Amino acid sequence: MVELKENPGAKLELELRRGVLVLAVLSQLRDFQYGYSLRQALALRGMPIEEGTLYPLLRRLESQGLLASEWRIEEGPPRRYYRLNDAGEALLIELTAFWNAQVATMSGLLAEKGA
């Protein structure tokens, strides 16, 4: 009997996706957003994220001094809104430059003969 192995491609895709989540989240926090609106914005742009991943990430980024947050009571229940602070803006610029360099490098590697 042939044993079926786990799809290694799916696992590697998940690892790649995890690696870009911070940049994706930072890119959407130039203006204040609360968790659900952030999840919607990311999903609409092709980067869905689970609540169990997003909220711990937001708390971690805030504890690292990259986000400002405030509670707002508008329509409905109170919501915590997050936005990049100056350190977060600087990191977004730095990570964006790194990302763009990596994309250029990978595009060259993947375009090589046989890739």
C-alpha atoms as a PDB file:
ATOM      1  CA  MET A   1       0.000   0.000   0.000  1.00  0.00           C
ATOM      2  CA  VAL A   2       1.285   3.490  -0.876  1.00  0.00           C
ATOM      3  CA  GLU A   3       1.407   5.881   2.065  1.00  0.00           C
ATOM      4  CA  LEU A   4       0.076   9.382   1.325  1.00  0.00           C
ATOM      5  CA  LYS A   5       2.369  12.134   2.544  1.00  0.00           C
ATOM      6  CA  GLU A   6       1.341  15.551   3.753  1.00  0.00           C
ATOM      7  CA  ASN A   7       1.404  18.196   1.026  1.00  0.00           C
ATOM      8  CA  PRO A   8       4.741  19.981   1.599  1.00  0.00           C
ATOM      9  CA  GLY A   9       3.685  22.832  -0.683  1.00  0.00           C
ATOM     10  CA  ALA A  10       0.781  23.786   1.579  1.00  0.00           C
ATOM     11  CA  LYS A  11       3.031  23.866   4.642  1.00  0.00           C
ATOM     12  CA  LEU A  12       5.620  26.009   2.869  1.00  0.00           C
ATOM     13  CA  GLU A  13       2.933  28.376   1.597  1.00  0.00           C
ATOM     14  CA  LEU A  14       1.736  28.804   5.179  1.00  0.00           C
ATOM     15  CA  GLU A  15       5.277  29.619   6.325  1.00  0.00           C
ATOM     16  CA  LEU A  16       5.671  32.221   3.579  1.00  0.00           C
ATOM     17  CA  ARG A  17       2.319  33.758   4.462  1.00  0.00           C
ATOM     18  CA  ARG A  18       3.191  33.963   8.160  1.00  0.00           C
ATOM     19  CA  GLY A  19       6.377  35.766   7.214  1.00  0.00           C
ATOM     20  CA  VAL A  20       4.502  38.591   5.517  1.00  0.00           C
ATOM     21  CA  LEU A  21       1.635  39.061   7.994  1.00  0.00           C
ATOM     22  CA  VAL A  22       3.423  41.753  10.006  1.00  0.00           C
ATOM     23  CA  LEU A  23       4.108  43.793   6.884  1.00  0.00           C
ATOM     24  CA  ALA A  24       0.523  43.294   5.680  1.00  0.00           C
ATOM     25  CA  VAL A  25      -0.917  44.442   9.017  1.00  0.00           C
ATOM     26  CA  LEU A  26       1.406  47.437   9.293  1.00  0.00           C
ATOM     27  CA  SER A  27       0.520  48.486   5.746  1.00  0.00           C
ATOM     28  CA  GLN A  28      -3.141  48.834   6.727  1.00  0.00           C
ATOM     29  CA  LEU A  29      -2.621  50.774   9.943  1.00  0.00           C
ATOM     30  CA  ARG A  30      -1.659  54.164   8.518  1.00  0.00           C
ATOM     31  CA  ASP A  31      -5.092  55.228   9.760  1.00  0.00           C
ATOM     32  CA  PHE A  32      -6.925  54.041  12.868  1.00  0.00           C
ATOM     33  CA  GLN A  33      -8.693  50.709  12.478  1.00  0.00           C
ATOM     34  CA  TYR A  34     -10.211  48.245  14.904  1.00  0.00           C
ATOM     35  CA  GLY A  35      -9.657  44.523  14.597  1.00  0.00           C
ATOM     36  CA  TYR A  36     -12.705  43.606  12.543  1.00  0.00           C
ATOM     37  CA  SER A  37     -12.228  46.477  10.065  1.00  0.00           C
ATOM     38  CA  LEU A  38      -8.574  45.495   9.722  1.00  0.00           C
ATOM     39  CA  ARG A  39      -9.525  41.865   9.054  1.00  0.00           C
ATOM     40  CA  GLN A  40     -11.978  43.017   6.378  1.00  0.00           C
ATOM     41  CA  ALA A  41      -9.414  45.336   4.741  1.00  0.00           C
ATOM     42  CA  LEU A  42      -6.842  42.541   4.591  1.00  0.00           C
ATOM     43  CA  ALA A  43      -9.337  39.958   3.319  1.00  0.00           C
ATOM     44  CA  LEU A  44     -10.525  42.310   0.555  1.00  0.00           C
ATOM     45  CA  ARG A  45      -6.909  42.602  -0.586  1.00  0.00           C
ATOM     46  CA  GLY A  46      -6.360  38.834  -0.654  1.00  0.00           C
ATOM     47  CA  MET A  47      -4.780  38.403   2.791  1.00  0.00           C
ATOM     48  CA  PRO A  48      -7.412  36.842   5.075  1.00  0.00           C
ATOM     49  CA  ILE A  49      -6.340  36.508   8.703  1.00  0.00           C
ATOM     50  CA  GLU A  50      -7.961  34.670  11.587  1.00  0.00           C
ATOM     51  CA  GLU A  51      -8.960  36.506  14.768  1.00  0.00           C
ATOM     52  CA  GLY A  52      -6.752  34.164  16.769  1.00  0.00           C
ATOM     53  CA  THR A  53      -3.772  35.345  14.736  1.00  0.00           C
ATOM     54  CA  LEU A  54      -4.626  39.030  14.371  1.00  0.00           C
ATOM     55  CA  TYR A  55      -5.376  40.073  17.939  1.00  0.00           C
ATOM     56  CA  PRO A  56      -2.239  38.563  19.500  1.00  0.00           C
ATOM     57  CA  LEU A  57      -0.223  40.148  16.674  1.00  0.00           C
ATOM     58  CA  LEU A  58      -1.758  43.578  17.364  1.00  0.00           C
ATOM     59  CA  ARG A  59      -1.015  43.251  21.086  1.00  0.00           C
ATOM     60  CA  ARG A  60       2.558  42.177  20.343  1.00  0.00           C
ATOM     61  CA  LEU A  61       3.147  45.083  17.942  1.00  0.00           C
ATOM     62  CA  GLU A  62       1.722  47.503  20.496  1.00  0.00           C
ATOM     63  CA  SER A  63       3.896  46.078  23.288  1.00  0.00           C
ATOM     64  CA  GLN A  64       6.915  46.492  20.981  1.00  0.00           C
ATOM     65  CA  GLY A  65       6.115  50.205  20.773  1.00  0.00           C
ATOM     66  CA  LEU A  66       5.016  50.206  17.123  1.00  0.00           C
ATOM     67  CA  LEU A  67       1.313  50.995  17.481  1.00  0.00           C
ATOM     68  CA  ALA A  68      -0.821  53.554  19.238  1.00  0.00           C
ATOM     69  CA  SER A  69      -4.256  52.443  20.384  1.00  0.00           C
ATOM     70  CA  GLU A  70      -7.321  53.975  21.928  1.00  0.00           C
ATOM     71  CA  TRP A  71     -10.736  52.803  23.033  1.00  0.00           C
ATOM     72  CA  ARG A  72     -13.663  54.432  21.253  1.00  0.00           C
ATOM     73  CA  ILE A  73     -17.328  54.253  22.056  1.00  0.00           C
ATOM     74  CA  GLU A  74     -19.293  54.989  18.918  1.00  0.00           C
ATOM     75  CA  GLU A  75     -22.182  52.969  17.576  1.00  0.00           C
ATOM     76  CA  GLY A  76     -22.223  49.553  19.158  1.00  0.00           C
ATOM     77  CA  PRO A  77     -19.782  48.165  21.710  1.00  0.00           C
ATOM     78  CA  PRO A  78     -16.502  49.897  22.661  1.00  0.00           C
ATOM     79  CA  ARG A  79     -13.719  49.116  20.212  1.00  0.00           C
ATOM     80  CA  ARG A  80      -9.969  49.354  20.459  1.00  0.00           C
ATOM     81  CA  TYR A  81      -8.547  51.228  17.482  1.00  0.00           C
ATOM     82  CA  TYR A  82      -4.925  50.796  16.395  1.00  0.00           C
ATOM     83  CA  ARG A  83      -2.670  52.990  14.287  1.00  0.00           C
ATOM     84  CA  LEU A  84       1.030  53.132  13.499  1.00  0.00           C
ATOM     85  CA  ASN A  85       3.008  55.487  15.702  1.00  0.00           C
ATOM     86  CA  ASP A  86       6.285  57.082  14.555  1.00  0.00           C
ATOM     87  CA  ALA A  87       8.287  53.914  15.297  1.00  0.00           C
ATOM     88  CA  GLY A  88       5.713  51.838  13.414  1.00  0.00           C
ATOM     89  CA  GLU A  89       5.856  54.194  10.424  1.00  0.00           C
ATOM     90  CA  ALA A  90       9.650  53.915  10.373  1.00  0.00           C
ATOM     91  CA  LEU A  91       9.473  50.116  10.568  1.00  0.00           C
ATOM     92  CA  LEU A  92       6.901  50.008   7.762  1.00  0.00           C
ATOM     93  CA  ILE A  93       9.255  52.027   5.541  1.00  0.00           C
ATOM     94  CA  GLU A  94      12.178  49.756   6.447  1.00  0.00           C
ATOM     95  CA  LEU A  95      10.252  46.513   5.899  1.00  0.00           C
ATOM     96  CA  THR A  96       8.762  47.799   2.638  1.00  0.00           C
ATOM     97  CA  ALA A  97      12.244  48.522   1.274  1.00  0.00           C
ATOM     98  CA  PHE A  98      13.400  45.071   2.390  1.00  0.00           C
ATOM     99  CA  TRP A  99      10.328  43.448   0.837  1.00  0.00           C
ATOM    100  CA  ASN A 100      10.845  45.235  -2.482  1.00  0.00           C
ATOM    101  CA  ALA A 101      14.499  44.156  -2.573  1.00  0.00           C
ATOM    102  CA  GLN A 102      13.499  40.545  -1.832  1.00  0.00           C
ATOM    103  CA  VAL A 103      10.834  40.591  -4.546  1.00  0.00           C
ATOM    104  CA  ALA A 104      13.385  41.882  -7.078  1.00  0.00           C
ATOM    105  CA  THR A 105      15.885  39.218  -6.050  1.00  0.00           C
ATOM    106  CA  MET A 106      13.326  36.421  -6.176  1.00  0.00           C
ATOM    107  CA  SER A 107      11.973  37.613  -9.528  1.00  0.00           C
ATOM    108  CA  GLY A 108      15.481  37.342 -10.941  1.00  0.00           C
ATOM    109  CA  LEU A 109      16.045  33.914  -9.438  1.00  0.00           C
ATOM    110  CA  LEU A 110      12.704  32.569 -10.621  1.00  0.00           C
ATOM    111  CA  ALA A 111      13.191  33.967 -14.117  1.00  0.00           C
ATOM    112  CA  GLU A 112      16.468  32.061 -14.542  1.00  0.00           C
ATOM    113  CA  LYS A 113      16.484  29.207 -16.985  1.00  0.00           C
ATOM    114  CA  GLY A 114      14.946  26.079 -15.540  1.00  0.00           C
ATOM    115  CA  ALA A 115      12.981  27.760 -12.746  1.00  0.00           C
END
